[in-house]
Amino acid sequence: MITVSALVASGQVAQIPFHLNRAMDNGLTRDQASEALTHLAFYAGWPNVISALPVFKDVFEKRAG
C-alpha cells in the first residue's frame, strides 16, 4: 500500500494497476484501498486522487469479473 500511495501522491497513475493488483494479491481489500484514497485526498491533494480514481475503479472491476 505504501508503493500505491506514493504513486498516487506523485501522480504516477500509469504504474498503479500493477502495484495495486500486487497489493490486493497480498491481502489488501477493496475497502482498505478506498479508505487509503480518502486519506490521500487530504494529504496528497484532491487532483492526484481524482486522477487515480478511474485507475482504481478499473482494477476493482477487472478483479470482480
PDB file of N, CA and C in Angstrom:
ATOM      1  N   MET A   1       0.820  -1.190   0.000  1.00  0.00           N
ATOM      2  CA  MET A   1       0.000   0.000   0.000  1.00  0.00           C
ATOM      3  C   MET A   1       0.866   1.257   0.000  1.00  0.00           C
ATOM      4  N   ILE A   2       2.031   1.162   0.572  1.00  0.00           N
ATOM      5  CA  ILE A   2       2.920   2.318   0.590  1.00  0.00           C
ATOM      6  C   ILE A   2       3.311   2.701  -0.834  1.00  0.00           C
ATOM      7  N   THR A   3       3.626   1.717  -1.641  1.00  0.00           N
ATOM      8  CA  THR A   3       4.002   1.999  -3.029  1.00  0.00           C
ATOM      9  C   THR A   3       2.838   2.609  -3.785  1.00  0.00           C
ATOM     10  N   VAL A   4       1.650   2.042  -3.608  1.00  0.00           N
ATOM     11  CA  VAL A   4       0.452   2.575  -4.276  1.00  0.00           C
ATOM     12  C   VAL A   4       0.201   4.009  -3.822  1.00  0.00           C
ATOM     13  N   SER A   5       0.318   4.262  -2.544  1.00  0.00           N
ATOM     14  CA  SER A   5       0.108   5.615  -2.011  1.00  0.00           C
ATOM     15  C   SER A   5       1.128   6.597  -2.591  1.00  0.00           C
ATOM     16  N   ALA A   6       2.374   6.165  -2.674  1.00  0.00           N
ATOM     17  CA  ALA A   6       3.416   7.030  -3.239  1.00  0.00           C
ATOM     18  C   ALA A   6       3.136   7.331  -4.711  1.00  0.00           C
ATOM     19  N   LEU A   7       2.649   6.336  -5.447  1.00  0.00           N
ATOM     20  CA  LEU A   7       2.320   6.551  -6.853  1.00  0.00           C
ATOM     21  C   LEU A   7       1.164   7.535  -7.011  1.00  0.00           C
ATOM     22  N   VAL A   8       0.140   7.398  -6.169  1.00  0.00           N
ATOM     23  CA  VAL A   8      -0.989   8.334  -6.216  1.00  0.00           C
ATOM     24  C   VAL A   8      -0.492   9.732  -5.873  1.00  0.00           C
ATOM     25  N   ALA A   9       0.270   9.849  -4.801  1.00  0.00           N
ATOM     26  CA  ALA A   9       0.745  11.155  -4.339  1.00  0.00           C
ATOM     27  C   ALA A   9       1.623  11.857  -5.366  1.00  0.00           C
ATOM     28  N   SER A  10       2.365  11.080  -6.145  1.00  0.00           N
ATOM     29  CA  SER A  10       3.253  11.686  -7.138  1.00  0.00           C
ATOM     30  C   SER A  10       2.612  11.778  -8.522  1.00  0.00           C
ATOM     31  N   GLY A  11       1.370  11.326  -8.630  1.00  0.00           N
ATOM     32  CA  GLY A  11       0.652  11.441  -9.897  1.00  0.00           C
ATOM     33  C   GLY A  11       1.077  10.434 -10.954  1.00  0.00           C
ATOM     34  N   GLN A  12       1.691   9.343 -10.556  1.00  0.00           N
ATOM     35  CA  GLN A  12       2.169   8.314 -11.486  1.00  0.00           C
ATOM     36  C   GLN A  12       1.103   7.242 -11.705  1.00  0.00           C
ATOM     37  N   VAL A  13      -0.019   7.640 -12.305  1.00  0.00           N
ATOM     38  CA  VAL A  13      -1.167   6.738 -12.418  1.00  0.00           C
ATOM     39  C   VAL A  13      -0.904   5.536 -13.325  1.00  0.00           C
ATOM     40  N   ALA A  14      -0.003   5.634 -14.267  1.00  0.00           N
ATOM     41  CA  ALA A  14       0.261   4.517 -15.185  1.00  0.00           C
ATOM     42  C   ALA A  14       0.836   3.306 -14.463  1.00  0.00           C
ATOM     43  N   GLN A  15       1.496   3.528 -13.344  1.00  0.00           N
ATOM     44  CA  GLN A  15       2.119   2.439 -12.600  1.00  0.00           C
ATOM     45  C   GLN A  15       1.190   1.810 -11.565  1.00  0.00           C
ATOM     46  N   ILE A  16       0.063   2.450 -11.287  1.00  0.00           N
ATOM     47  CA  ILE A  16      -0.835   1.994 -10.219  1.00  0.00           C
ATOM     48  C   ILE A  16      -1.415   0.602 -10.467  1.00  0.00           C
ATOM     49  N   PRO A  17      -1.909   0.275 -11.661  1.00  0.00           N
ATOM     50  CA  PRO A  17      -2.557  -1.039 -11.814  1.00  0.00           C
ATOM     51  C   PRO A  17      -1.680  -2.220 -11.387  1.00  0.00           C
ATOM     52  N   PHE A  18      -0.446  -2.232 -11.807  1.00  0.00           N
ATOM     53  CA  PHE A  18       0.438  -3.341 -11.429  1.00  0.00           C
ATOM     54  C   PHE A  18       0.576  -3.432  -9.914  1.00  0.00           C
ATOM     55  N   HIS A  19       0.897  -2.321  -9.270  1.00  0.00           N
ATOM     56  CA  HIS A  19       1.163  -2.336  -7.832  1.00  0.00           C
ATOM     57  C   HIS A  19      -0.109  -2.535  -7.015  1.00  0.00           C
ATOM     58  N   LEU A  20      -1.220  -1.988  -7.469  1.00  0.00           N
ATOM     59  CA  LEU A  20      -2.486  -2.195  -6.757  1.00  0.00           C
ATOM     60  C   LEU A  20      -2.902  -3.662  -6.844  1.00  0.00           C
ATOM     61  N   ASN A  21      -2.746  -4.268  -8.004  1.00  0.00           N
ATOM     62  CA  ASN A  21      -3.048  -5.699  -8.127  1.00  0.00           C
ATOM     63  C   ASN A  21      -2.162  -6.531  -7.215  1.00  0.00           C
ATOM     64  N   ARG A  22      -0.869  -6.223  -7.142  1.00  0.00           N
ATOM     65  CA  ARG A  22       0.022  -6.978  -6.255  1.00  0.00           C
ATOM     66  C   ARG A  22      -0.386  -6.789  -4.796  1.00  0.00           C
ATOM     67  N   ALA A  23      -0.740  -5.555  -4.424  1.00  0.00           N
ATOM     68  CA  ALA A  23      -1.173  -5.297  -3.046  1.00  0.00           C
ATOM     69  C   ALA A  23      -2.428  -6.101  -2.722  1.00  0.00           C
ATOM     70  N   MET A  24      -3.355  -6.159  -3.675  1.00  0.00           N
ATOM     71  CA  MET A  24      -4.594  -6.911  -3.447  1.00  0.00           C
ATOM     72  C   MET A  24      -4.327  -8.417  -3.454  1.00  0.00           C
ATOM     73  N   ASP A  25      -3.375  -8.869  -4.243  1.00  0.00           N
ATOM     74  CA  ASP A  25      -2.986 -10.282  -4.211  1.00  0.00           C
ATOM     75  C   ASP A  25      -2.420 -10.661  -2.846  1.00  0.00           C
ATOM     76  N   ASN A  26      -1.851  -9.676  -2.164  1.00  0.00           N
ATOM     77  CA  ASN A  26      -1.241  -9.918  -0.855  1.00  0.00           C
ATOM     78  C   ASN A  26      -2.135  -9.535   0.311  1.00  0.00           C
ATOM     79  N   GLY A  27      -3.443  -9.339   0.051  1.00  0.00           N
ATOM     80  CA  GLY A  27      -4.387  -9.167   1.150  1.00  0.00           C
ATOM     81  C   GLY A  27      -5.055  -7.814   1.281  1.00  0.00           C
ATOM     82  N   LEU A  28      -4.630  -6.829   0.526  1.00  0.00           N
ATOM     83  CA  LEU A  28      -5.289  -5.528   0.593  1.00  0.00           C
ATOM     84  C   LEU A  28      -6.713  -5.672   0.052  1.00  0.00           C
ATOM     85  N   THR A  29      -7.686  -5.179   0.809  1.00  0.00           N
ATOM     86  CA  THR A  29      -9.071  -5.273   0.356  1.00  0.00           C
ATOM     87  C   THR A  29      -9.458  -4.019  -0.417  1.00  0.00           C
ATOM     88  N   ARG A  30     -10.556  -4.144  -1.147  1.00  0.00           N
ATOM     89  CA  ARG A  30     -11.085  -3.004  -1.889  1.00  0.00           C
ATOM     90  C   ARG A  30     -11.438  -1.867  -0.926  1.00  0.00           C
ATOM     91  N   ASP A  31     -12.039  -2.214   0.213  1.00  0.00           N
ATOM     92  CA  ASP A  31     -12.390  -1.189   1.204  1.00  0.00           C
ATOM     93  C   ASP A  31     -11.157  -0.475   1.738  1.00  0.00           C
ATOM     94  N   GLN A  32     -10.109  -1.223   2.011  1.00  0.00           N
ATOM     95  CA  GLN A  32      -8.880  -0.611   2.513  1.00  0.00           C
ATOM     96  C   GLN A  32      -8.252   0.317   1.472  1.00  0.00           C
ATOM     97  N   ALA A  33      -8.260  -0.105   0.224  1.00  0.00           N
ATOM     98  CA  ALA A  33      -7.715   0.729  -0.843  1.00  0.00           C
ATOM     99  C   ALA A  33      -8.533   2.007  -0.988  1.00  0.00           C
ATOM    100  N   SER A  34      -9.849   1.894  -0.884  1.00  0.00           N
ATOM    101  CA  SER A  34     -10.721   3.066  -0.978  1.00  0.00           C
ATOM    102  C   SER A  34     -10.494   4.019   0.185  1.00  0.00           C
ATOM    103  N   GLU A  35     -10.312   3.470   1.374  1.00  0.00           N
ATOM    104  CA  GLU A  35     -10.039   4.298   2.548  1.00  0.00           C
ATOM    105  C   GLU A  35      -8.713   5.031   2.392  1.00  0.00           C
ATOM    106  N   ALA A  36      -7.733   4.360   1.821  1.00  0.00           N
ATOM    107  CA  ALA A  36      -6.437   4.996   1.586  1.00  0.00           C
ATOM    108  C   ALA A  36      -6.593   6.185   0.642  1.00  0.00           C
ATOM    109  N   LEU A  37      -7.412   6.034  -0.391  1.00  0.00           N
ATOM    110  CA  LEU A  37      -7.655   7.153  -1.312  1.00  0.00           C
ATOM    111  C   LEU A  37      -8.273   8.341  -0.589  1.00  0.00           C
ATOM    112  N   THR A  38      -9.189   8.062   0.321  1.00  0.00           N
ATOM    113  CA  THR A  38      -9.816   9.145   1.091  1.00  0.00           C
ATOM    114  C   THR A  38      -8.762   9.916   1.876  1.00  0.00           C
ATOM    115  N   HIS A  39      -7.875   9.200   2.538  1.00  0.00           N
ATOM    116  CA  HIS A  39      -6.810   9.859   3.302  1.00  0.00           C
ATOM    117  C   HIS A  39      -5.864  10.612   2.376  1.00  0.00           C
ATOM    118  N   LEU A  40      -5.519   9.988   1.266  1.00  0.00           N
ATOM    119  CA  LEU A  40      -4.600  10.632   0.326  1.00  0.00           C
ATOM    120  C   LEU A  40      -5.168  11.924  -0.249  1.00  0.00           C
ATOM    121  N   ALA A  41      -6.477  11.995  -0.394  1.00  0.00           N
ATOM    122  CA  ALA A  41      -7.080  13.210  -0.931  1.00  0.00           C
ATOM    123  C   ALA A  41      -6.715  14.422  -0.072  1.00  0.00           C
ATOM    124  N   PHE A  42      -6.685  14.220   1.226  1.00  0.00           N
ATOM    125  CA  PHE A  42      -6.379  15.326   2.131  1.00  0.00           C
ATOM    126  C   PHE A  42      -4.881  15.577   2.266  1.00  0.00           C
ATOM    127  N   TYR A  43      -4.081  14.525   2.197  1.00  0.00           N
ATOM    128  CA  TYR A  43      -2.651  14.671   2.417  1.00  0.00           C
ATOM    129  C   TYR A  43      -1.841  14.869   1.136  1.00  0.00           C
ATOM    130  N   ALA A  44      -2.293  14.284   0.039  1.00  0.00           N
ATOM    131  CA  ALA A  44      -1.539  14.375  -1.214  1.00  0.00           C
ATOM    132  C   ALA A  44      -2.227  15.247  -2.250  1.00  0.00           C
ATOM    133  N   GLY A  45      -3.445  15.664  -1.955  1.00  0.00           N
ATOM    134  CA  GLY A  45      -4.159  16.552  -2.861  1.00  0.00           C
ATOM    135  C   GLY A  45      -5.260  15.858  -3.643  1.00  0.00           C
ATOM    136  N   TRP A  46      -6.362  16.557  -3.736  1.00  0.00           N
ATOM    137  CA  TRP A  46      -7.524  16.038  -4.460  1.00  0.00           C
ATOM    138  C   TRP A  46      -7.222  15.756  -5.924  1.00  0.00           C
ATOM    139  N   PRO A  47      -6.488  16.612  -6.637  1.00  0.00           N
ATOM    140  CA  PRO A  47      -6.237  16.331  -8.058  1.00  0.00           C
ATOM    141  C   PRO A  47      -5.547  14.985  -8.294  1.00  0.00           C
ATOM    142  N   ASN A  48      -4.595  14.634  -7.450  1.00  0.00           N
ATOM    143  CA  ASN A  48      -3.916  13.345  -7.607  1.00  0.00           C
ATOM    144  C   ASN A  48      -4.875  12.179  -7.397  1.00  0.00           C
ATOM    145  N   VAL A  49      -5.745  12.303  -6.417  1.00  0.00           N
ATOM    146  CA  VAL A  49      -6.700  11.228  -6.143  1.00  0.00           C
ATOM    147  C   VAL A  49      -7.751  11.143  -7.240  1.00  0.00           C
ATOM    148  N   ILE A  50      -8.238  12.282  -7.698  1.00  0.00           N
ATOM    149  CA  ILE A  50      -9.233  12.271  -8.777  1.00  0.00           C
ATOM    150  C   ILE A  50      -8.639  11.624 -10.025  1.00  0.00           C
ATOM    151  N   SER A  51      -7.367  11.845 -10.294  1.00  0.00           N
ATOM    152  CA  SER A  51      -6.707  11.212 -11.441  1.00  0.00           C
ATOM    153  C   SER A  51      -6.552   9.703 -11.240  1.00  0.00           C
ATOM    154  N   ALA A  52      -6.385   9.270 -10.004  1.00  0.00           N
ATOM    155  CA  ALA A  52      -6.191   7.846  -9.709  1.00  0.00           C
ATOM    156  C   ALA A  52      -7.510   7.071  -9.625  1.00  0.00           C
ATOM    157  N   LEU A  53      -8.606   7.743  -9.369  1.00  0.00           N
ATOM    158  CA  LEU A  53      -9.889   7.053  -9.194  1.00  0.00           C
ATOM    159  C   LEU A  53     -10.265   6.141 -10.356  1.00  0.00           C
ATOM    160  N   PRO A  54     -10.204   6.601 -11.602  1.00  0.00           N
ATOM    161  CA  PRO A  54     -10.575   5.695 -12.698  1.00  0.00           C
ATOM    162  C   PRO A  54      -9.659   4.466 -12.793  1.00  0.00           C
ATOM    163  N   VAL A  55      -8.418   4.630 -12.407  1.00  0.00           N
ATOM    164  CA  VAL A  55      -7.466   3.515 -12.441  1.00  0.00           C
ATOM    165  C   VAL A  55      -7.849   2.488 -11.371  1.00  0.00           C
ATOM    166  N   PHE A  56      -8.148   2.956 -10.171  1.00  0.00           N
ATOM    167  CA  PHE A  56      -8.580   2.068  -9.097  1.00  0.00           C
ATOM    168  C   PHE A  56      -9.873   1.357  -9.500  1.00  0.00           C
ATOM    169  N   LYS A  57     -10.810   2.107 -10.051  1.00  0.00           N
ATOM    170  CA  LYS A  57     -12.091   1.532 -10.463  1.00  0.00           C
ATOM    171  C   LYS A  57     -11.880   0.437 -11.497  1.00  0.00           C
ATOM    172  N   ASP A  58     -11.008   0.680 -12.463  1.00  0.00           N
ATOM    173  CA  ASP A  58     -10.728  -0.307 -13.495  1.00  0.00           C
ATOM    174  C   ASP A  58     -10.134  -1.583 -12.887  1.00  0.00           C
ATOM    175  N   VAL A  59      -9.207  -1.438 -11.968  1.00  0.00           N
ATOM    176  CA  VAL A  59      -8.605  -2.602 -11.314  1.00  0.00           C
ATOM    177  C   VAL A  59      -9.678  -3.365 -10.537  1.00  0.00           C
ATOM    178  N   PHE A  60     -10.510  -2.643  -9.778  1.00  0.00           N
ATOM    179  CA  PHE A  60     -11.566  -3.295  -8.993  1.00  0.00           C
ATOM    180  C   PHE A  60     -12.523  -4.064  -9.913  1.00  0.00           C
ATOM    181  N   GLU A  61     -12.921  -3.466 -11.019  1.00  0.00           N
ATOM    182  CA  GLU A  61     -13.865  -4.108 -11.942  1.00  0.00           C
ATOM    183  C   GLU A  61     -13.262  -5.350 -12.587  1.00  0.00           C
ATOM    184  N   LYS A  62     -12.009  -5.277 -12.966  1.00  0.00           N
ATOM    185  CA  LYS A  62     -11.353  -6.427 -13.596  1.00  0.00           C
ATOM    186  C   LYS A  62     -11.173  -7.582 -12.621  1.00  0.00           C
ATOM    187  N   ARG A  63     -10.942  -7.253 -11.348  1.00  0.00           N
ATOM    188  CA  ARG A  63     -10.769  -8.299 -10.349  1.00  0.00           C
ATOM    189  C   ARG A  63     -12.100  -8.924  -9.964  1.00  0.00           C
ATOM    190  N   ALA A  64     -13.194  -8.154 -10.042  1.00  0.00           N
ATOM    191  CA  ALA A  64     -14.515  -8.655  -9.656  1.00  0.00           C
ATOM    192  C   ALA A  64     -15.107  -9.563 -10.736  1.00  0.00           C
ATOM    193  N   GLY A  65     -14.785  -9.288 -11.975  1.00  0.00           N
ATOM    194  CA  GLY A  65     -15.455 -10.015 -13.029  1.00  0.00           C
ATOM    195  C   GLY A  65     -14.569 -10.871 -13.784  1.00  0.00           C
TER     196      GLY A  65
END
